[in-house]
Amino acid sequence: MASYLPLPSVFQQSYLQKDSYPSNIIERTIGTYPSGLEEYKKRLEDAAVDLCYEPDVRGADVSFYDLQADNGTGTELEKHNLRSIDKLTEWLTIRVVWDGIKPENSVVAVEKKDPNYIYGQNSRARLKITRPMLVEILSFHQVMPDYLDFLLIFGLQSQQNDLGFSSFREQTNLTAARETYRIDSLARSGKQYQLCYNLKGVTCTFKERLDPIKNQYSIRQAAIYHRFDVVGGNTVWIVTKGGLDLYNRFKELTGDNARPEERSFSTPEECFRSSLSAHLLFCYWSTEDWRGYIKWLENMIDDKTKLAVLGPVGKGHHHRLYTPGDIQDLLLWGEKVTEAITVLEYNVDIMDSLRNFYIGLGSNKDCEPAMTCHEDVDIFTNNVSNMIHDFKRQIFRSKALVKLLSDRTELVKQLRIERMNYHMENEAIVVRIITIVTLIYLPATFTSTFFSTDIIKYQGQNSPAGKFSQIAMNRWLEVTIPLSFLTIIVAYVGKKWAESQSLLGDSDEDHGNKKRRHTNTWSSSFAAPRSNSIGPSKGSNRSLPLLPLQNPAG
């Protein structure tokens, strides 16, 4: 029969109240005040339907990866995929029994120590875990409530709606351990630090070599939690991400073909060293394929806008006619580039915070593993710095692409305006022709209308069939021809007068601009220099002439 290890009463009470996570957390800081914990609890309850498989447990699938397993078999590795709350409790070897002295009380005991590494698998839709399983894991490991902020960005959603969230949180307790934090049966000394942060990577989900515009890229997030006990080296990892790629990479990192220093956990120093390798693994994942993604954006933007720069626009040349839909497409491409810049800057900020945290940890005398492994810390910070510099170069490249896209989008708009002006000029020519024709026919029409009234009559009432009148025709021509010439002359004189007034206005405006420029140049050329010294100075009262002086000798 297995012997169960005793647990502190405070931890037992916290575990029994696991459904109220994170209100049941033992460790309290300024940020974990009761009202704040209640707000976290409410957010988790509201998001549980979309976040977890609940109440349906058939989709649950939580992967655990325990190194240096304390299972009594002598194996150093234990892997499990747990699909129910009962299996999870059994694997954690948690047993809730009744107190023999006080039967109304429950007693929580465990059979083995904490697992060293845990990876929580999730899908792009709901996390493959139920809410009871989630709160049991978080309560058993006393995970800092801040990790809920990172978990809640996942869940059922048509598209990633919180890509802008990025943060780095840490809780450090390296001083004298409080008795409430210390659990000897779980190899928890109470002297520990906790980290949680998220990184974002990009992945090509669909690739079409013949038509690259059909390629599809997706920006994926990974939420990482890490706890390290500086006395015993007990380490916990919880990683949440869509897919199994990080999980498989972690298995490679700690597998049989891995370097010895990355899969050694005998001492706190070895555990600390391996934790640095895991951080680097996650950071390297976030740097992959960004270069290919930005290169793809460059190619697509160049393909859609290069004819605006290189294509001939003269009359008779074949060129592309841009439409409002093309401008919309360019704006969408611009949003993609801006999104990439934002995500890259987030990653830079997170890596910089991670680097600074371990730099400070390496000089903290209360963290003996970090001080002992100071060379490993230096290598770690150098590697992170290299990744930060690589991200910054991609940011510079993306910002240059934004400038290029902005200029070419403006050029496309100008080409559309020029095309509209061309059509307006053609329409203006047609309108002018119509105006001239109307101007020519207007006097004749007016005269004909006037002669058709009762004022002038050349036809008697006794001739209903009509009869040509030469006198009427002569009178019509005598009135129409002079009136037409007079109308054309008046229109021509009016046109010339309007043009002269327009030219006169432009000339006055140019003269005023030249005068202002001349005044500014004259004033700046002959302004007296100011003395920087205090008090009178030699030659300070001399005035400069505004007219050129003649040479007396000349």
Protein backbone atom coordinates (compact mmCIF):
# COMPACT_ATOMS: atom_id res chain seq x y z
CA MET A 1 0.00 0.00 0.00
CA ALA A 2 1.37 3.38 -0.94
CA SER A 3 2.36 5.71 1.86
CA TYR A 4 0.95 9.20 1.50
CA LEU A 5 2.91 12.29 2.43
CA PRO A 6 1.43 14.76 4.90
CA LEU A 7 0.54 18.26 3.71
CA PRO A 8 0.21 21.52 5.66
CA SER A 9 -3.31 22.34 6.72
CA VAL A 10 -3.20 25.67 4.87
CA PHE A 11 -2.40 23.91 1.60
CA GLN A 12 -5.07 21.27 2.27
CA GLN A 13 -7.65 24.00 2.77
CA SER A 14 -6.53 25.72 -0.42
CA TYR A 15 -6.80 22.51 -2.43
CA LEU A 16 -10.26 21.67 -1.09
CA GLN A 17 -11.41 25.13 -2.22
CA LYS A 18 -9.95 24.68 -5.70
CA ASP A 19 -13.24 25.55 -7.40
CA SER A 20 -12.84 29.10 -6.09
CA TYR A 21 -9.44 29.59 -7.76
CA PRO A 22 -7.70 32.03 -7.57
CA SER A 23 -9.33 33.15 -4.32
CA ASN A 24 -7.84 30.06 -2.63
CA ILE A 25 -4.18 30.93 -3.39
CA ILE A 26 -1.95 30.83 -0.31
CA GLU A 27 0.69 33.33 -1.34
CA ARG A 28 -0.69 36.85 -1.21
CA THR A 29 0.97 39.97 -2.55
CA ILE A 30 -0.10 43.56 -2.99
CA GLY A 31 -1.52 42.64 -6.38
CA THR A 32 -3.54 39.68 -5.04
CA TYR A 33 -5.90 41.56 -2.76
CA PRO A 34 -9.33 39.89 -2.20
CA SER A 35 -11.34 42.09 -4.57
CA GLY A 36 -8.76 41.56 -7.32
CA LEU A 37 -8.89 37.77 -6.84
CA GLU A 38 -12.69 37.85 -6.97
CA GLU A 39 -12.48 39.74 -10.26
CA TYR A 40 -10.15 37.07 -11.65
CA LYS A 41 -12.56 34.37 -10.49
CA LYS A 42 -15.52 36.08 -12.14
CA ARG A 43 -13.62 36.48 -15.42
CA LEU A 44 -12.72 32.78 -15.39
CA GLU A 45 -16.33 31.78 -14.75
CA ASP A 46 -17.61 34.02 -17.56
CA ALA A 47 -15.04 32.71 -20.03
CA ALA A 48 -15.29 29.03 -19.05
CA VAL A 49 -17.87 28.19 -21.74
CA ASP A 50 -15.63 29.38 -24.59
CA LEU A 51 -12.33 28.65 -22.87
CA CYS A 52 -12.77 25.02 -21.80
CA TYR A 53 -14.61 21.87 -22.81
CA GLU A 54 -17.41 22.06 -20.29
CA PRO A 55 -19.42 20.10 -19.37
CA ASP A 56 -18.40 17.80 -22.25
CA VAL A 57 -15.12 16.09 -21.26
CA ARG A 58 -14.62 14.05 -24.43
CA GLY A 59 -12.44 16.78 -25.94
CA ALA A 60 -10.14 17.05 -22.92
CA ASP A 61 -6.53 16.06 -23.53
CA VAL A 62 -3.87 17.44 -21.18
CA SER A 63 -0.28 16.35 -21.79
CA PHE A 64 2.06 15.99 -18.82
CA TYR A 65 5.80 15.51 -19.14
CA ASP A 66 7.47 14.61 -15.83
CA LEU A 67 11.27 14.43 -15.71
CA GLN A 68 13.00 12.70 -12.80
CA ALA A 69 9.66 11.13 -11.93
CA ASP A 70 9.23 10.09 -8.31
CA ASN A 71 7.05 7.08 -9.03
CA GLY A 72 9.08 4.35 -7.33
CA THR A 73 9.96 2.61 -10.60
CA GLY A 74 13.36 4.22 -11.09
CA THR A 75 12.40 5.77 -14.41
CA GLU A 76 13.55 9.30 -15.12
CA LEU A 77 10.71 10.19 -17.47
CA GLU A 78 6.98 9.80 -17.18
CA LYS A 79 4.52 10.97 -19.83
CA HIS A 80 0.73 11.01 -19.62
CA ASN A 81 -2.20 12.33 -21.62
CA LEU A 82 -5.01 12.82 -19.13
CA ARG A 83 -8.60 13.17 -20.31
CA SER A 84 -10.63 13.38 -17.10
CA ILE A 85 -10.52 14.94 -13.67
CA ASP A 86 -10.30 11.51 -12.02
CA LYS A 87 -7.24 10.56 -14.08
CA LEU A 88 -5.66 13.91 -13.25
CA THR A 89 -6.20 13.46 -9.52
CA GLU A 90 -4.87 9.92 -9.73
CA TRP A 91 -1.74 11.02 -11.60
CA LEU A 92 -1.08 13.79 -9.09
CA THR A 93 -1.47 11.02 -6.44
CA ILE A 94 -3.83 13.20 -4.44
CA ARG A 95 -5.98 11.38 -1.91
CA VAL A 96 -8.77 13.01 0.07
CA VAL A 97 -9.55 10.96 3.19
CA TRP A 98 -11.58 11.53 6.32
CA ASP A 99 -9.92 12.55 9.53
CA GLY A 100 -10.13 9.69 12.06
CA ILE A 101 -10.29 12.09 14.98
CA LYS A 102 -12.71 14.56 13.38
CA PRO A 103 -14.73 12.66 10.76
CA GLU A 104 -16.37 15.86 9.55
CA ASN A 105 -12.98 17.13 8.30
CA SER A 106 -11.24 16.08 5.06
CA VAL A 107 -7.52 15.38 4.87
CA VAL A 108 -5.54 15.86 1.65
CA ALA A 109 -2.40 13.78 1.11
CA VAL A 110 -0.09 12.98 -1.81
CA GLU A 111 2.07 10.03 -2.74
CA LYS A 112 4.85 11.75 -4.73
CA LYS A 113 6.52 15.10 -5.16
CA ASP A 114 5.72 17.75 -7.75
CA PRO A 115 6.36 16.85 -11.36
CA ASN A 116 9.21 18.87 -12.79
CA TYR A 117 7.74 19.91 -16.12
CA ILE A 118 4.14 20.28 -17.19
CA TYR A 119 2.81 21.23 -20.61
CA GLY A 120 -0.85 22.03 -21.10
CA GLN A 121 -1.94 21.34 -24.68
CA ASN A 122 -4.75 23.33 -26.28
CA SER A 123 -6.37 23.75 -29.67
CA ARG A 124 -7.14 26.86 -31.66
CA ALA A 125 -10.72 26.61 -30.46
CA ARG A 126 -11.38 25.68 -26.84
CA LEU A 127 -8.55 24.60 -24.61
CA LYS A 128 -8.48 20.82 -24.40
CA ILE A 129 -9.18 20.86 -20.72
CA THR A 130 -12.23 21.13 -18.50
CA ARG A 131 -12.63 23.82 -15.90
CA PRO A 132 -12.39 21.38 -12.94
CA MET A 133 -9.12 20.02 -14.36
CA LEU A 134 -7.81 23.53 -14.94
CA VAL A 135 -8.51 24.81 -11.44
CA GLU A 136 -7.12 21.61 -9.88
CA ILE A 137 -3.82 22.02 -11.74
CA LEU A 138 -3.58 25.73 -10.93
CA SER A 139 -4.52 25.16 -7.28
CA PHE A 140 -2.21 22.19 -6.76
CA HIS A 141 0.77 24.11 -8.12
CA GLN A 142 -0.35 27.40 -6.55
CA VAL A 143 0.01 29.20 -9.87
CA MET A 144 0.06 32.98 -9.62
CA PRO A 145 -3.34 34.48 -10.59
CA ASP A 146 -1.71 36.68 -13.25
CA TYR A 147 -1.48 33.63 -15.50
CA LEU A 148 -5.24 33.81 -16.01
CA ASP A 149 -4.70 37.00 -18.03
CA PHE A 150 -2.63 34.95 -20.45
CA LEU A 151 -5.02 31.99 -20.51
CA LEU A 152 -8.09 34.09 -21.26
CA ILE A 153 -6.75 35.19 -24.65
CA PHE A 154 -7.44 31.63 -25.83
CA GLY A 155 -10.78 29.96 -26.28
CA LEU A 156 -13.52 29.65 -28.88
CA GLN A 157 -13.29 32.55 -31.34
CA SER A 158 -13.54 33.08 -35.09
CA GLN A 159 -10.31 35.06 -35.14
CA GLN A 160 -7.71 36.18 -32.64
CA ASN A 161 -9.38 39.10 -30.92
CA ASP A 162 -6.73 39.93 -28.33
CA LEU A 163 -3.51 39.87 -30.31
CA GLY A 164 -2.53 43.20 -28.77
CA PHE A 165 -2.17 41.75 -25.27
CA SER A 166 1.43 41.23 -24.22
CA SER A 167 2.91 41.21 -20.75
CA PHE A 168 5.62 39.90 -18.46
CA ARG A 169 4.77 39.18 -14.80
CA GLU A 170 6.98 37.89 -12.01
CA GLN A 171 6.72 37.10 -8.30
CA THR A 172 9.92 36.60 -6.35
CA ASN A 173 10.24 35.32 -2.80
CA LEU A 174 13.89 34.51 -2.11
CA THR A 175 14.14 35.71 1.47
CA ALA A 176 13.51 33.59 4.55
CA ALA A 177 10.70 31.25 3.62
CA ARG A 178 7.37 31.62 5.33
CA GLU A 179 6.02 28.48 6.90
CA THR A 180 2.78 28.77 4.90
CA TYR A 181 4.70 28.57 1.62
CA ARG A 182 6.88 25.66 2.68
CA ILE A 183 5.66 22.14 1.82
CA ASP A 184 8.41 19.61 2.46
CA SER A 185 6.39 16.67 1.21
CA LEU A 186 6.17 18.34 -2.22
CA ALA A 187 9.79 19.52 -2.20
CA ARG A 188 8.67 23.14 -1.97
CA SER A 189 10.94 25.22 0.22
CA GLY A 190 8.97 28.44 -0.21
CA LYS A 191 12.02 30.24 -1.64
CA GLN A 192 11.02 30.51 -5.25
CA TYR A 193 10.29 32.80 -8.15
CA GLN A 194 7.44 32.64 -10.63
CA LEU A 195 7.27 34.00 -14.17
CA CYS A 196 4.53 34.22 -16.75
CA TYR A 197 4.77 35.85 -20.15
CA ASN A 198 3.57 35.39 -23.69
CA LEU A 199 5.38 35.37 -27.02
CA LYS A 200 4.04 35.51 -30.55
CA GLY A 201 5.31 33.66 -33.60
CA VAL A 202 4.22 33.50 -37.22
CA THR A 203 3.53 30.33 -39.20
CA CYS A 204 2.75 29.69 -42.85
CA THR A 205 -0.43 27.61 -42.68
CA PHE A 206 -0.88 27.29 -46.46
CA LYS A 207 1.73 27.70 -49.19
CA GLU A 208 1.13 27.93 -52.94
CA ARG A 209 4.36 28.14 -54.92
CA LEU A 210 2.72 29.02 -58.25
CA ASP A 211 0.56 31.79 -56.79
CA PRO A 212 2.19 33.22 -53.64
CA ILE A 213 -0.67 35.63 -53.04
CA LYS A 214 -2.71 32.62 -51.91
CA ASN A 215 -0.25 31.90 -49.11
CA GLN A 216 -1.73 32.15 -45.65
CA TYR A 217 0.19 33.20 -42.56
CA SER A 218 -1.07 33.10 -39.00
CA ILE A 219 0.33 34.85 -35.94
CA ARG A 220 0.19 32.39 -33.02
CA GLN A 221 0.54 33.04 -29.31
CA ALA A 222 2.10 30.99 -26.56
CA ALA A 223 1.46 31.65 -22.86
CA ILE A 224 4.25 30.40 -20.59
CA TYR A 225 4.30 29.93 -16.82
CA HIS A 226 7.44 28.94 -14.93
CA ARG A 227 8.18 28.36 -11.25
CA PHE A 228 11.58 27.51 -9.81
CA ASP A 229 12.44 26.51 -6.26
CA VAL A 230 15.94 27.80 -5.54
CA VAL A 231 16.56 25.29 -2.72
CA GLY A 232 15.53 21.97 -4.21
CA GLY A 233 15.44 22.92 -7.89
CA ASN A 234 11.80 21.85 -8.22
CA THR A 235 10.60 23.31 -11.52
CA VAL A 236 7.15 23.65 -13.03
CA TRP A 237 6.31 24.65 -16.59
CA ILE A 238 2.81 25.29 -17.91
CA VAL A 239 2.66 26.17 -21.61
CA THR A 240 -0.56 27.00 -23.41
CA LYS A 241 -0.60 27.17 -27.18
CA GLY A 242 -2.51 25.99 -30.22
CA GLY A 243 -0.98 22.76 -31.48
CA LEU A 244 1.76 20.46 -30.29
CA ASP A 245 4.81 22.04 -31.89
CA LEU A 246 6.24 23.53 -28.68
CA TYR A 247 5.50 20.32 -26.79
CA ASN A 248 7.39 18.27 -29.36
CA ARG A 249 10.31 20.69 -29.28
CA PHE A 250 10.43 20.45 -25.51
CA LYS A 251 10.58 16.67 -25.75
CA GLU A 252 13.51 17.03 -28.15
CA LEU A 253 15.19 19.42 -25.72
CA THR A 254 15.01 16.89 -22.89
CA GLY A 255 15.14 13.67 -24.93
CA ASP A 256 17.88 11.10 -25.32
CA ASN A 257 19.61 13.07 -28.08
CA ALA A 258 19.68 16.31 -26.11
CA ARG A 259 22.80 17.78 -24.55
CA PRO A 260 23.54 16.44 -21.06
CA GLU A 261 23.28 19.87 -19.43
CA GLU A 262 19.75 20.28 -20.81
CA ARG A 263 18.39 17.02 -19.37
CA SER A 264 20.18 16.91 -16.04
CA PHE A 265 18.09 17.62 -12.93
CA SER A 266 20.09 16.11 -10.09
CA THR A 267 21.02 19.40 -8.41
CA PRO A 268 19.37 22.83 -8.17
CA GLU A 269 22.13 24.23 -10.39
CA GLU A 270 21.41 21.67 -13.12
CA CYS A 271 17.70 22.37 -12.89
CA PHE A 272 18.37 26.11 -13.15
CA ARG A 273 20.62 25.61 -16.16
CA SER A 274 17.99 23.49 -17.93
CA SER A 275 15.33 26.12 -17.23
CA LEU A 276 17.42 28.69 -19.12
CA SER A 277 17.52 26.33 -22.09
CA ALA A 278 13.73 26.05 -22.01
CA HIS A 279 13.37 29.84 -22.03
CA LEU A 280 15.69 30.02 -25.03
CA LEU A 281 13.62 27.34 -26.76
CA PHE A 282 10.47 29.44 -26.45
CA CYS A 283 12.28 32.61 -27.52
CA TYR A 284 13.77 30.91 -30.58
CA TRP A 285 10.32 29.67 -31.55
CA SER A 286 9.01 33.26 -31.57
CA THR A 287 11.77 34.39 -33.98
CA GLU A 288 11.13 31.78 -36.65
CA ASP A 289 9.68 32.65 -40.07
CA TRP A 290 9.30 36.38 -39.40
CA ARG A 291 11.85 37.05 -42.13
CA GLY A 292 9.87 34.92 -44.60
CA TYR A 293 6.60 36.61 -43.61
CA ILE A 294 7.97 40.13 -44.09
CA LYS A 295 9.60 39.10 -47.37
CA TRP A 296 6.23 37.78 -48.53
CA LEU A 297 4.59 41.10 -47.59
CA GLU A 298 7.28 42.97 -49.54
CA ASN A 299 6.74 40.82 -52.63
CA MET A 300 2.96 41.15 -52.50
CA ILE A 301 3.04 44.92 -52.03
CA ASP A 302 5.62 45.34 -54.79
CA ASP A 303 3.57 43.17 -57.15
CA LYS A 304 0.44 45.25 -56.55
CA THR A 305 2.09 48.69 -56.80
CA LYS A 306 5.12 48.41 -59.10
CA LEU A 307 3.11 49.33 -62.23
CA ALA A 308 2.21 52.60 -60.56
CA VAL A 309 5.93 53.44 -60.49
CA LEU A 310 7.27 51.68 -63.58
CA GLY A 311 4.26 51.56 -65.88
CA PRO A 312 4.04 54.18 -68.69
CA VAL A 313 1.17 56.61 -68.22
CA GLY A 314 1.41 58.57 -71.50
CA LYS A 315 -1.27 58.60 -74.15
CA GLY A 316 -1.32 55.45 -76.23
CA HIS A 317 0.56 53.33 -73.66
CA HIS A 318 -0.91 50.29 -71.97
CA HIS A 319 -1.02 50.79 -68.22
CA ARG A 320 -2.93 49.46 -65.24
CA LEU A 321 -6.08 51.30 -64.22
CA TYR A 322 -6.34 51.33 -60.42
CA THR A 323 -9.78 51.17 -58.86
CA PRO A 324 -11.08 52.01 -55.35
CA GLY A 325 -10.86 48.27 -54.62
CA ASP A 326 -7.12 48.40 -55.26
CA ILE A 327 -6.77 51.20 -52.72
CA GLN A 328 -8.71 49.11 -50.19
CA ASP A 329 -6.34 46.19 -50.81
CA LEU A 330 -3.33 48.43 -50.24
CA LEU A 331 -4.80 49.63 -46.95
CA LEU A 332 -5.33 46.01 -45.87
CA TRP A 333 -1.71 45.18 -46.71
CA GLY A 334 -0.65 48.23 -44.72
CA GLU A 335 -2.60 46.95 -41.71
CA LYS A 336 -0.83 43.59 -41.98
CA VAL A 337 2.58 45.29 -41.95
CA THR A 338 1.59 47.50 -39.01
CA GLU A 339 0.34 44.43 -37.14
CA ALA A 340 3.67 42.69 -37.75
CA ILE A 341 5.58 45.71 -36.42
CA THR A 342 3.41 45.80 -33.28
CA VAL A 343 3.88 42.08 -32.58
CA LEU A 344 7.64 42.31 -33.12
CA GLU A 345 7.87 45.23 -30.71
CA TYR A 346 5.87 43.23 -28.15
CA ASN A 347 8.30 40.33 -28.45
CA VAL A 348 11.26 42.68 -28.05
CA ASP A 349 9.75 44.12 -24.87
CA ILE A 350 9.02 40.67 -23.40
CA MET A 351 12.52 39.34 -24.16
CA ASP A 352 14.07 42.48 -22.74
CA SER A 353 12.10 42.00 -19.50
CA LEU A 354 13.12 38.33 -19.36
CA ARG A 355 16.77 39.22 -19.90
CA ASN A 356 16.72 41.94 -17.24
CA PHE A 357 15.04 39.60 -14.76
CA TYR A 358 17.79 36.99 -15.03
CA ILE A 359 20.51 39.65 -14.99
CA GLY A 360 19.13 40.82 -11.66
CA LEU A 361 18.70 37.25 -10.48
CA GLY A 362 22.35 36.47 -11.25
CA SER A 363 23.49 39.19 -8.85
CA ASN A 364 21.04 38.26 -6.09
CA LYS A 365 22.88 36.57 -3.24
CA ASP A 366 19.65 34.90 -2.13
CA CYS A 367 19.49 32.92 -5.38
CA GLU A 368 22.44 30.57 -5.07
CA PRO A 369 21.81 28.55 -8.28
CA ALA A 370 21.85 31.74 -10.37
CA MET A 371 25.06 32.99 -8.78
CA THR A 372 26.72 29.61 -9.22
CA CYS A 373 25.66 29.47 -12.88
CA HIS A 374 26.60 33.09 -13.64
CA GLU A 375 28.39 32.01 -16.82
CA ASP A 376 25.26 30.26 -18.03
CA VAL A 377 23.26 33.40 -17.21
CA ASP A 378 25.69 35.46 -19.30
CA ILE A 379 25.32 33.06 -22.24
CA PHE A 380 21.55 33.15 -21.83
CA THR A 381 21.39 36.96 -21.81
CA ASN A 382 23.70 37.16 -24.83
CA ASN A 383 21.49 34.78 -26.79
CA VAL A 384 18.39 36.75 -25.86
CA SER A 385 20.16 39.99 -26.85
CA ASN A 386 20.97 38.52 -30.26
CA MET A 387 17.32 37.63 -30.78
CA ILE A 388 16.28 41.13 -29.72
CA HIS A 389 18.69 42.65 -32.26
CA ASP A 390 17.30 40.36 -34.95
CA PHE A 391 13.76 41.47 -34.09
CA LYS A 392 14.81 45.13 -34.26
CA ARG A 393 16.27 44.62 -37.72
CA GLN A 394 12.98 43.12 -38.85
CA ILE A 395 11.17 46.10 -37.30
CA PHE A 396 13.37 48.54 -39.26
CA ARG A 397 12.68 46.57 -42.41
CA SER A 398 8.94 46.61 -41.78
CA LYS A 399 8.89 50.34 -41.08
CA ALA A 400 10.69 50.95 -44.39
CA LEU A 401 7.99 48.83 -46.05
CA VAL A 402 5.29 50.97 -44.42
CA LYS A 403 6.92 54.12 -45.84
CA LEU A 404 7.17 52.53 -49.28
CA LEU A 405 3.55 51.41 -49.17
CA SER A 406 2.40 54.86 -48.04
CA ASP A 407 4.24 56.58 -50.90
CA ARG A 408 2.96 54.15 -53.52
CA THR A 409 -0.59 54.33 -52.19
CA GLU A 410 -0.41 58.10 -52.53
CA LEU A 411 0.90 57.68 -56.08
CA VAL A 412 -2.00 55.37 -56.92
CA LYS A 413 -4.41 58.00 -55.60
CA GLN A 414 -2.71 60.69 -57.69
CA LEU A 415 -2.98 58.49 -60.80
CA ARG A 416 -6.67 58.09 -60.15
CA ILE A 417 -7.07 61.84 -59.73
CA GLU A 418 -5.12 62.43 -62.96
CA ARG A 419 -7.38 59.97 -64.77
CA MET A 420 -10.44 61.74 -63.42
CA ASN A 421 -9.02 65.10 -64.54
CA TYR A 422 -8.44 63.67 -68.02
CA HIS A 423 -12.08 62.63 -68.27
CA MET A 424 -13.18 65.99 -66.91
CA GLU A 425 -11.12 67.77 -69.59
CA ASN A 426 -12.83 65.72 -72.30
CA GLU A 427 -16.18 66.54 -70.79
CA ALA A 428 -15.21 70.22 -70.65
CA ILE A 429 -14.39 70.15 -74.38
CA VAL A 430 -17.79 68.67 -75.14
CA VAL A 431 -19.47 71.29 -72.97
CA ARG A 432 -17.53 74.06 -74.75
CA ILE A 433 -18.61 72.75 -78.17
CA ILE A 434 -22.20 72.68 -77.01
CA THR A 435 -21.84 76.21 -75.68
CA ILE A 436 -20.40 77.50 -78.97
CA VAL A 437 -23.15 75.86 -81.01
CA THR A 438 -25.75 77.24 -78.64
CA LEU A 439 -24.14 80.67 -78.87
CA ILE A 440 -24.29 80.61 -82.67
CA TYR A 441 -27.88 79.45 -82.87
CA LEU A 442 -29.18 81.59 -80.02
CA PRO A 443 -29.62 84.87 -82.03
CA ALA A 444 -31.28 83.02 -84.91
CA THR A 445 -33.59 81.22 -82.53
CA PHE A 446 -34.43 84.45 -80.76
CA THR A 447 -35.16 86.25 -84.05
CA SER A 448 -37.28 83.40 -85.35
CA THR A 449 -39.26 83.32 -82.16
CA PHE A 450 -39.71 87.08 -82.27
CA PHE A 451 -40.89 87.03 -85.91
CA SER A 452 -43.38 84.27 -85.16
CA THR A 453 -45.33 86.41 -82.72
CA ASP A 454 -48.24 88.73 -83.50
CA ILE A 455 -45.95 91.75 -83.33
CA ILE A 456 -44.73 91.33 -86.93
CA LYS A 457 -46.82 89.67 -89.65
CA TYR A 458 -46.00 89.22 -93.32
CA GLN A 459 -48.76 86.74 -94.15
CA GLY A 460 -52.38 87.54 -94.66
CA GLN A 461 -55.28 85.75 -93.04
CA ASN A 462 -56.58 84.65 -96.42
CA SER A 463 -53.55 82.42 -97.15
CA PRO A 464 -53.77 79.50 -94.68
CA ALA A 465 -51.49 77.35 -96.84
CA GLY A 466 -48.60 79.80 -96.45
CA LYS A 467 -46.57 81.80 -98.96
CA PHE A 468 -42.85 82.70 -99.15
CA SER A 469 -42.13 86.34 -98.36
CA GLN A 470 -38.82 87.75 -99.56
CA ILE A 471 -39.31 90.87 -97.50
CA ALA A 472 -39.74 88.77 -94.32
CA MET A 473 -36.61 86.79 -95.17
CA ASN A 474 -34.60 89.95 -95.76
CA ARG A 475 -35.77 91.46 -92.54
CA TRP A 476 -34.93 88.23 -90.66
CA LEU A 477 -31.39 88.20 -92.09
CA GLU A 478 -30.94 91.91 -91.40
CA VAL A 479 -31.68 91.28 -87.73
CA THR A 480 -30.14 87.81 -87.22
CA ILE A 481 -26.69 88.27 -88.81
CA PRO A 482 -25.70 91.48 -86.95
CA LEU A 483 -27.13 90.09 -83.72
CA SER A 484 -25.10 86.87 -84.11
CA PHE A 485 -21.88 88.81 -84.76
CA LEU A 486 -22.61 91.07 -81.81
CA THR A 487 -23.25 88.08 -79.53
CA ILE A 488 -20.01 86.37 -80.59
CA ILE A 489 -17.99 89.58 -80.17
CA VAL A 490 -19.44 90.22 -76.70
CA ALA A 491 -18.72 86.61 -75.66
CA TYR A 492 -15.17 86.82 -77.01
CA VAL A 493 -14.47 90.15 -75.26
CA GLY A 494 -15.91 88.78 -72.03
CA LYS A 495 -13.72 85.67 -72.28
CA LYS A 496 -10.57 87.76 -72.86
CA TRP A 497 -11.42 90.08 -69.99
CA ALA A 498 -11.91 87.12 -67.61
CA GLU A 499 -8.57 85.63 -68.69
CA SER A 500 -6.76 88.95 -68.19
CA GLN A 501 -8.24 89.34 -64.71
CA SER A 502 -7.13 85.81 -63.83
CA LEU A 503 -3.58 86.46 -65.09
CA LEU A 504 -3.48 89.79 -63.25
CA GLY A 505 -4.46 88.08 -60.00
CA ASP A 506 -1.76 85.43 -60.43
CA SER A 507 0.81 88.14 -61.23
CA ASP A 508 -0.05 90.13 -58.11
CA GLU A 509 0.23 86.99 -55.96
CA ASP A 510 3.65 86.10 -57.43
CA HIS A 511 4.85 89.68 -56.94
CA GLY A 512 3.76 89.60 -53.30
CA ASN A 513 5.57 86.32 -52.70
CA LYS A 514 8.76 87.64 -54.32
CA LYS A 515 8.57 90.81 -52.26
CA ARG A 516 8.25 88.84 -49.02
CA ARG A 517 11.16 86.60 -49.98
CA HIS A 518 13.26 89.68 -50.89
CA THR A 519 12.45 91.34 -47.56
CA ASN A 520 13.36 88.24 -45.59
CA THR A 521 16.63 87.84 -47.51
CA TRP A 522 17.56 91.53 -47.08
CA SER A 523 16.85 91.46 -43.35
CA SER A 524 18.79 88.27 -42.76
CA SER A 525 21.74 89.46 -44.86
CA PHE A 526 22.25 92.79 -43.12
CA ALA A 527 21.20 92.03 -39.56
CA ALA A 528 23.75 93.19 -37.00
CA PRO A 529 25.46 90.36 -35.12
CA ARG A 530 24.55 89.99 -31.46
CA SER A 531 27.26 89.92 -28.84
CA ASN A 532 27.26 87.00 -26.43
CA SER A 533 29.34 88.90 -23.86
CA ILE A 534 27.87 90.89 -20.99
CA GLY A 535 28.63 94.65 -20.97
CA PRO A 536 29.93 97.01 -23.67
CA SER A 537 32.12 95.61 -26.36
CA LYS A 538 34.22 97.21 -29.00
CA GLY A 539 32.32 98.02 -32.15
CA SER A 540 28.99 96.92 -30.70
CA ASN A 541 27.26 100.25 -31.54
CA ARG A 542 28.29 100.38 -35.18
CA SER A 543 25.40 100.42 -37.60
CA LEU A 544 25.45 98.52 -40.86
CA PRO A 545 24.49 100.44 -43.99
CA LEU A 546 21.52 99.24 -46.01
CA LEU A 547 23.11 100.45 -49.27
CA PRO A 548 26.41 99.21 -50.71
CA LEU A 549 29.38 101.50 -49.99
CA GLN A 550 31.58 102.80 -52.77
CA ASN A 551 35.31 102.40 -52.61
CA PRO A 552 36.77 105.91 -51.84
CA ALA A 553 39.74 105.12 -53.99
CA GLY A 554 37.51 104.40 -56.90
